[in-house]
PDB file of N, CA and C in Angstrom:
ATOM      1  N   MET A   1     -70.758 135.046  -0.488  1.00  0.00           N
ATOM      2  CA  MET A   1     -70.784 134.497   0.870  1.00  0.00           C
ATOM      3  C   MET A   1     -70.263 133.070   0.906  1.00  0.00           C
ATOM      4  N   ASP A   2     -69.532 132.682  -0.128  1.00  0.00           N
ATOM      5  CA  ASP A   2     -68.961 131.337  -0.149  1.00  0.00           C
ATOM      6  C   ASP A   2     -67.793 131.218   0.825  1.00  0.00           C
ATOM      7  N   PHE A   3     -67.298 132.346   1.290  1.00  0.00           N
ATOM      8  CA  PHE A   3     -66.117 132.307   2.164  1.00  0.00           C
ATOM      9  C   PHE A   3     -66.468 131.886   3.591  1.00  0.00           C
ATOM     10  N   VAL A   4     -67.746 131.893   3.940  1.00  0.00           N
ATOM     11  CA  VAL A   4     -68.129 131.578   5.323  1.00  0.00           C
ATOM     12  C   VAL A   4     -67.810 130.127   5.682  1.00  0.00           C
ATOM     13  N   PRO A   5     -68.174 129.109   4.882  1.00  0.00           N
ATOM     14  CA  PRO A   5     -67.891 127.727   5.295  1.00  0.00           C
ATOM     15  C   PRO A   5     -66.417 127.335   5.159  1.00  0.00           C
ATOM     16  N   GLN A   6     -65.640 128.096   4.396  1.00  0.00           N
ATOM     17  CA  GLN A   6     -64.261 127.700   4.154  1.00  0.00           C
ATOM     18  C   GLN A   6     -63.407 127.664   5.417  1.00  0.00           C
ATOM     19  N   PRO A   7     -63.485 128.642   6.325  1.00  0.00           N
ATOM     20  CA  PRO A   7     -62.669 128.555   7.544  1.00  0.00           C
ATOM     21  C   PRO A   7     -62.931 127.268   8.312  1.00  0.00           C
ATOM     22  N   ASN A   8     -64.187 126.814   8.368  1.00  0.00           N
ATOM     23  CA  ASN A   8     -64.496 125.563   9.064  1.00  0.00           C
ATOM     24  C   ASN A   8     -63.804 124.390   8.377  1.00  0.00           C
ATOM     25  N   LEU A   9     -63.809 124.390   7.040  1.00  0.00           N
ATOM     26  CA  LEU A   9     -63.163 123.308   6.309  1.00  0.00           C
ATOM     27  C   LEU A   9     -61.651 123.359   6.491  1.00  0.00           C
ATOM     28  N   GLN A  10     -61.091 124.550   6.634  1.00  0.00           N
ATOM     29  CA  GLN A  10     -59.644 124.673   6.824  1.00  0.00           C
ATOM     30  C   GLN A  10     -59.243 124.243   8.228  1.00  0.00           C
ATOM     31  N   LEU A  11     -60.170 124.295   9.179  1.00  0.00           N
ATOM     32  CA  LEU A  11     -59.857 123.885  10.540  1.00  0.00           C
ATOM     33  C   LEU A  11     -59.671 122.375  10.627  1.00  0.00           C
ATOM     34  N   ILE A  12     -60.356 121.633   9.763  1.00  0.00           N
ATOM     35  CA  ILE A  12     -60.294 120.165   9.841  1.00  0.00           C
ATOM     36  C   ILE A  12     -58.873 119.661   9.598  1.00  0.00           C
ATOM     37  N   PRO A  13     -58.210 120.026   8.504  1.00  0.00           N
ATOM     38  CA  PRO A  13     -56.825 119.558   8.331  1.00  0.00           C
ATOM     39  C   PRO A  13     -55.889 120.130   9.387  1.00  0.00           C
ATOM     40  N   LEU A  14     -56.192 121.331   9.883  1.00  0.00           N
ATOM     41  CA  LEU A  14     -55.359 121.925  10.925  1.00  0.00           C
ATOM     42  C   LEU A  14     -55.431 121.085  12.199  1.00  0.00           C
ATOM     43  N   ILE A  15     -56.644 120.716  12.599  1.00  0.00           N
ATOM     44  CA  ILE A  15     -56.826 119.878  13.789  1.00  0.00           C
ATOM     45  C   ILE A  15     -56.162 118.526  13.563  1.00  0.00           C
ATOM     46  N   PHE A  16     -56.304 117.999  12.348  1.00  0.00           N
ATOM     47  CA  PHE A  16     -55.698 116.710  12.031  1.00  0.00           C
ATOM     48  C   PHE A  16     -54.177 116.791  12.161  1.00  0.00           C
ATOM     49  N   CYS A  17     -53.598 117.865  11.642  1.00  0.00           N
ATOM     50  CA  CYS A  17     -52.141 118.053  11.736  1.00  0.00           C
ATOM     51  C   CYS A  17     -51.713 118.191  13.187  1.00  0.00           C
ATOM     52  N   ILE A  18     -52.504 118.935  13.973  1.00  0.00           N
ATOM     53  CA  ILE A  18     -52.153 119.119  15.386  1.00  0.00           C
ATOM     54  C   ILE A  18     -52.201 117.783  16.114  1.00  0.00           C
ATOM     55  N   SER A  19     -53.204 116.974  15.818  1.00  0.00           N
ATOM     56  CA  SER A  19     -53.301 115.684  16.505  1.00  0.00           C
ATOM     57  C   SER A  19     -52.140 114.782  16.106  1.00  0.00           C
ATOM     58  N   LEU A  20     -51.752 114.837  14.822  1.00  0.00           N
ATOM     59  CA  LEU A  20     -50.593 114.057  14.388  1.00  0.00           C
ATOM     60  C   LEU A  20     -49.334 114.546  15.086  1.00  0.00           C
ATOM     61  N   LEU A  21     -49.212 115.862  15.195  1.00  0.00           N
ATOM     62  CA  LEU A  21     -48.039 116.446  15.850  1.00  0.00           C
ATOM     63  C   LEU A  21     -47.975 116.013  17.312  1.00  0.00           C
ATOM     64  N   LEU A  22     -49.125 116.047  17.993  1.00  0.00           N
ATOM     65  CA  LEU A  22     -49.155 115.621  19.395  1.00  0.00           C
ATOM     66  C   LEU A  22     -48.793 114.149  19.504  1.00  0.00           C
ATOM     67  N   ASP A  23     -49.263 113.329  18.569  1.00  0.00           N
ATOM     68  CA  ASP A  23     -48.925 111.907  18.591  1.00  0.00           C
ATOM     69  C   ASP A  23     -47.425 111.709  18.451  1.00  0.00           C
ATOM     70  N   SER A  24     -46.825 112.438  17.522  1.00  0.00           N
ATOM     71  CA  SER A  24     -45.385 112.273  17.312  1.00  0.00           C
ATOM     72  C   SER A  24     -44.613 112.769  18.532  1.00  0.00           C
ATOM     73  N   ILE A  25     -45.067 113.862  19.133  1.00  0.00           N
ATOM     74  CA  ILE A  25     -44.401 114.373  20.335  1.00  0.00           C
ATOM     75  C   ILE A  25     -44.507 113.344  21.448  1.00  0.00           C
ATOM     76  N   GLU A  26     -45.687 112.744  21.597  1.00  0.00           N
ATOM     77  CA  GLU A  26     -45.878 111.734  22.638  1.00  0.00           C
ATOM     78  C   GLU A  26     -44.968 110.541  22.394  1.00  0.00           C
ATOM     79  N   THR A  27     -44.836 110.155  21.128  1.00  0.00           N
ATOM     80  CA  THR A  27     -43.955 109.037  20.789  1.00  0.00           C
ATOM     81  C   THR A  27     -42.511 109.370  21.116  1.00  0.00           C
ATOM     82  N   ILE A  28     -42.096 110.592  20.788  1.00  0.00           N
ATOM     83  CA  ILE A  28     -40.709 111.010  21.076  1.00  0.00           C
ATOM     84  C   ILE A  28     -40.470 110.999  22.584  1.00  0.00           C
ATOM     85  N   ILE A  29     -41.432 111.511  23.353  1.00  0.00           N
ATOM     86  CA  ILE A  29     -41.279 111.547  24.809  1.00  0.00           C
ATOM     87  C   ILE A  29     -41.195 110.130  25.349  1.00  0.00           C
ATOM     88  N   ASN A  30     -42.067 109.227  24.843  1.00  0.00           N
ATOM     89  CA  ASN A  30     -42.036 107.844  25.306  1.00  0.00           C
ATOM     90  C   ASN A  30     -40.701 107.202  24.968  1.00  0.00           C
ATOM     91  N   CYS A  31     -40.164 107.467  23.785  1.00  0.00           N
ATOM     92  CA  CYS A  31     -38.872 106.903  23.396  1.00  0.00           C
ATOM     93  C   CYS A  31     -37.779 107.410  24.330  1.00  0.00           C
ATOM     94  N   GLN A  32     -37.788 108.696  24.612  1.00  0.00           N
ATOM     95  CA  GLN A  32     -36.761 109.258  25.490  1.00  0.00           C
ATOM     96  C   GLN A  32     -36.898 108.691  26.895  1.00  0.00           C
ATOM     97  N   LEU A  33     -38.140 108.497  27.357  1.00  0.00           N
ATOM     98  CA  LEU A  33     -38.341 107.947  28.694  1.00  0.00           C
ATOM     99  C   LEU A  33     -37.823 106.523  28.760  1.00  0.00           C
ATOM    100  N   SER A  34     -38.101 105.712  27.739  1.00  0.00           N
ATOM    101  CA  SER A  34     -37.622 104.338  27.771  1.00  0.00           C
ATOM    102  C   SER A  34     -36.106 104.306  27.657  1.00  0.00           C
ATOM    103  N   THR A  35     -35.527 105.249  26.900  1.00  0.00           N
ATOM    104  CA  THR A  35     -34.062 105.316  26.811  1.00  0.00           C
ATOM    105  C   THR A  35     -33.478 105.657  28.173  1.00  0.00           C
ATOM    106  N   VAL A  36     -34.084 106.610  28.866  1.00  0.00           N
ATOM    107  CA  VAL A  36     -33.609 106.984  30.204  1.00  0.00           C
ATOM    108  C   VAL A  36     -33.748 105.800  31.153  1.00  0.00           C
ATOM    109  N   ASN A  37     -34.874 105.078  31.053  1.00  0.00           N
ATOM    110  CA  ASN A  37     -35.064 103.914  31.917  1.00  0.00           C
ATOM    111  C   ASN A  37     -33.997 102.868  31.640  1.00  0.00           C
ATOM    112  N   CYS A  38     -33.644 102.667  30.377  1.00  0.00           N
ATOM    113  CA  CYS A  38     -32.594 101.713  30.031  1.00  0.00           C
ATOM    114  C   CYS A  38     -31.270 102.161  30.631  1.00  0.00           C
ATOM    115  N   GLN A  39     -30.959 103.440  30.523  1.00  0.00           N
ATOM    116  CA  GLN A  39     -29.708 103.946  31.073  1.00  0.00           C
ATOM    117  C   GLN A  39     -29.699 103.808  32.594  1.00  0.00           C
ATOM    118  N   LEU A  40     -30.846 104.046  33.218  1.00  0.00           N
ATOM    119  CA  LEU A  40     -30.909 103.938  34.677  1.00  0.00           C
ATOM    120  C   LEU A  40     -30.698 102.492  35.108  1.00  0.00           C
ATOM    121  N   SER A  41     -31.223 101.545  34.338  1.00  0.00           N
ATOM    122  CA  SER A  41     -31.115 100.147  34.749  1.00  0.00           C
ATOM    123  C   SER A  41     -29.716  99.605  34.460  1.00  0.00           C
ATOM    124  N   THR A  42     -29.036 100.130  33.439  1.00  0.00           N
ATOM    125  CA  THR A  42     -27.727  99.578  33.082  1.00  0.00           C
ATOM    126  C   THR A  42     -26.611 100.249  33.871  1.00  0.00           C
ATOM    127  N   LEU A  43     -26.722 101.550  34.138  1.00  0.00           N
ATOM    128  CA  LEU A  43     -25.637 102.254  34.815  1.00  0.00           C
ATOM    129  C   LEU A  43     -25.720 102.042  36.325  1.00  0.00           C
ATOM    130  N   PRO A  44     -24.585 101.837  36.978  1.00  0.00           N
ATOM    131  CA  PRO A  44     -24.579 101.778  38.447  1.00  0.00           C
ATOM    132  C   PRO A  44     -24.732 103.180  39.019  1.00  0.00           C
ATOM    133  N   LEU A  45     -25.924 103.509  39.464  1.00  0.00           N
ATOM    134  CA  LEU A  45     -26.202 104.875  39.929  1.00  0.00           C
ATOM    135  C   LEU A  45     -26.373 104.896  41.442  1.00  0.00           C
ATOM    136  N   PRO A  46     -26.189 106.061  42.043  1.00  0.00           N
ATOM    137  CA  PRO A  46     -26.431 106.197  43.492  1.00  0.00           C
ATOM    138  C   PRO A  46     -27.854 105.797  43.878  1.00  0.00           C
ATOM    139  N   ALA A  47     -28.789 105.859  42.942  1.00  0.00           N
ATOM    140  CA  ALA A  47     -30.167 105.483  43.246  1.00  0.00           C
ATOM    141  C   ALA A  47     -30.225 104.022  43.705  1.00  0.00           C
ATOM    142  N   GLN A  48     -29.410 103.166  43.105  1.00  0.00           N
ATOM    143  CA  GLN A  48     -29.393 101.763  43.512  1.00  0.00           C
ATOM    144  C   GLN A  48     -28.833 101.635  44.925  1.00  0.00           C
ATOM    145  N   ASN A  49     -27.845 102.469  45.269  1.00  0.00           N
ATOM    146  CA  ASN A  49     -27.314 102.447  46.632  1.00  0.00           C
ATOM    147  C   ASN A  49     -28.380 102.890  47.632  1.00  0.00           C
ATOM    148  N   ARG A  50     -29.205 103.838  47.204  1.00  0.00           N
ATOM    149  CA  ARG A  50     -30.271 104.300  48.081  1.00  0.00           C
ATOM    150  C   ARG A  50     -31.240 103.165  48.357  1.00  0.00           C
ATOM    151  N   SER A  51     -31.573 102.391  47.322  1.00  0.00           N
ATOM    152  CA  SER A  51     -32.502 101.291  47.549  1.00  0.00           C
ATOM    153  C   SER A  51     -31.860 100.252  48.455  1.00  0.00           C
ATOM    154  N   ASN A  52     -30.529 100.139  48.430  1.00  0.00           N
ATOM    155  CA  ASN A  52     -29.855  99.235  49.363  1.00  0.00           C
ATOM    156  C   ASN A  52     -30.000  99.748  50.799  1.00  0.00           C
ATOM    157  N   ASN A  53     -29.958 101.080  50.952  1.00  0.00           N
ATOM    158  CA  ASN A  53     -30.130 101.640  52.294  1.00  0.00           C
ATOM    159  C   ASN A  53     -31.533 101.364  52.815  1.00  0.00           C
ATOM    160  N   HIS A  54     -32.514 101.410  51.897  1.00  0.00           N
ATOM    161  CA  HIS A  54     -33.895 101.132  52.290  1.00  0.00           C
ATOM    162  C   HIS A  54     -34.141  99.631  52.334  1.00  0.00           C
ATOM    163  N   GLY A  55     -33.122  98.840  52.033  1.00  0.00           N
ATOM    164  CA  GLY A  55     -33.304  97.387  51.965  1.00  0.00           C
ATOM    165  C   GLY A  55     -33.738  96.801  53.291  1.00  0.00           C
ATOM    166  N   ASP A  56     -33.370  97.437  54.417  1.00  0.00           N
ATOM    167  CA  ASP A  56     -33.773  96.890  55.713  1.00  0.00           C
ATOM    168  C   ASP A  56     -35.291  96.881  55.840  1.00  0.00           C
ATOM    169  N   GLY A  57     -35.910  98.019  55.501  1.00  0.00           N
ATOM    170  CA  GLY A  57     -37.369  98.067  55.544  1.00  0.00           C
ATOM    171  C   GLY A  57     -37.965  97.147  54.492  1.00  0.00           C
ATOM    172  N   GLY A  58     -37.321  97.079  53.322  1.00  0.00           N
ATOM    173  CA  GLY A  58     -37.850  96.229  52.263  1.00  0.00           C
ATOM    174  C   GLY A  58     -37.779  94.766  52.616  1.00  0.00           C
ATOM    175  N   ALA A  59     -36.720  94.371  53.372  1.00  0.00           N
ATOM    176  CA  ALA A  59     -36.571  92.963  53.740  1.00  0.00           C
ATOM    177  C   ALA A  59     -37.717  92.535  54.645  1.00  0.00           C
ATOM    178  N   SER A  60     -38.091  93.398  55.595  1.00  0.00           N
ATOM    179  CA  SER A  60     -39.171  93.037  56.506  1.00  0.00           C
ATOM    180  C   SER A  60     -40.485  92.957  55.724  1.00  0.00           C
ATOM    181  N   ASN A  61     -40.635  93.810  54.703  1.00  0.00           N
ATOM    182  CA  ASN A  61     -41.844  93.745  53.886  1.00  0.00           C
ATOM    183  C   ASN A  61     -41.868  92.473  53.061  1.00  0.00           C
ATOM    184  N   GLN A  62     -40.711  92.058  52.561  1.00  0.00           N
ATOM    185  CA  GLN A  62     -40.665  90.858  51.722  1.00  0.00           C
ATOM    186  C   GLN A  62     -40.939  89.613  52.562  1.00  0.00           C
ATOM    187  N   GLU A  63     -40.514  89.617  53.833  1.00  0.00           N
ATOM    188  CA  GLU A  63     -40.783  88.460  54.697  1.00  0.00           C
ATOM    189  C   GLU A  63     -42.236  88.473  55.113  1.00  0.00           C
TER     190      GLU A  63
END
């Protein structure tokens, strides 16, 4: 009956690996998001033109 506690012990490194994997995935997603944000800020995109269209409302808010 020594096999009963072993599955519990095997779950510990499995959970640890999963948490590490999730951390790395989160890091990759954050890196990609910051890269996209950099590209959005450097490239002249239609989104900036849209904010210019909304600039009338924004100007009244800024005043």
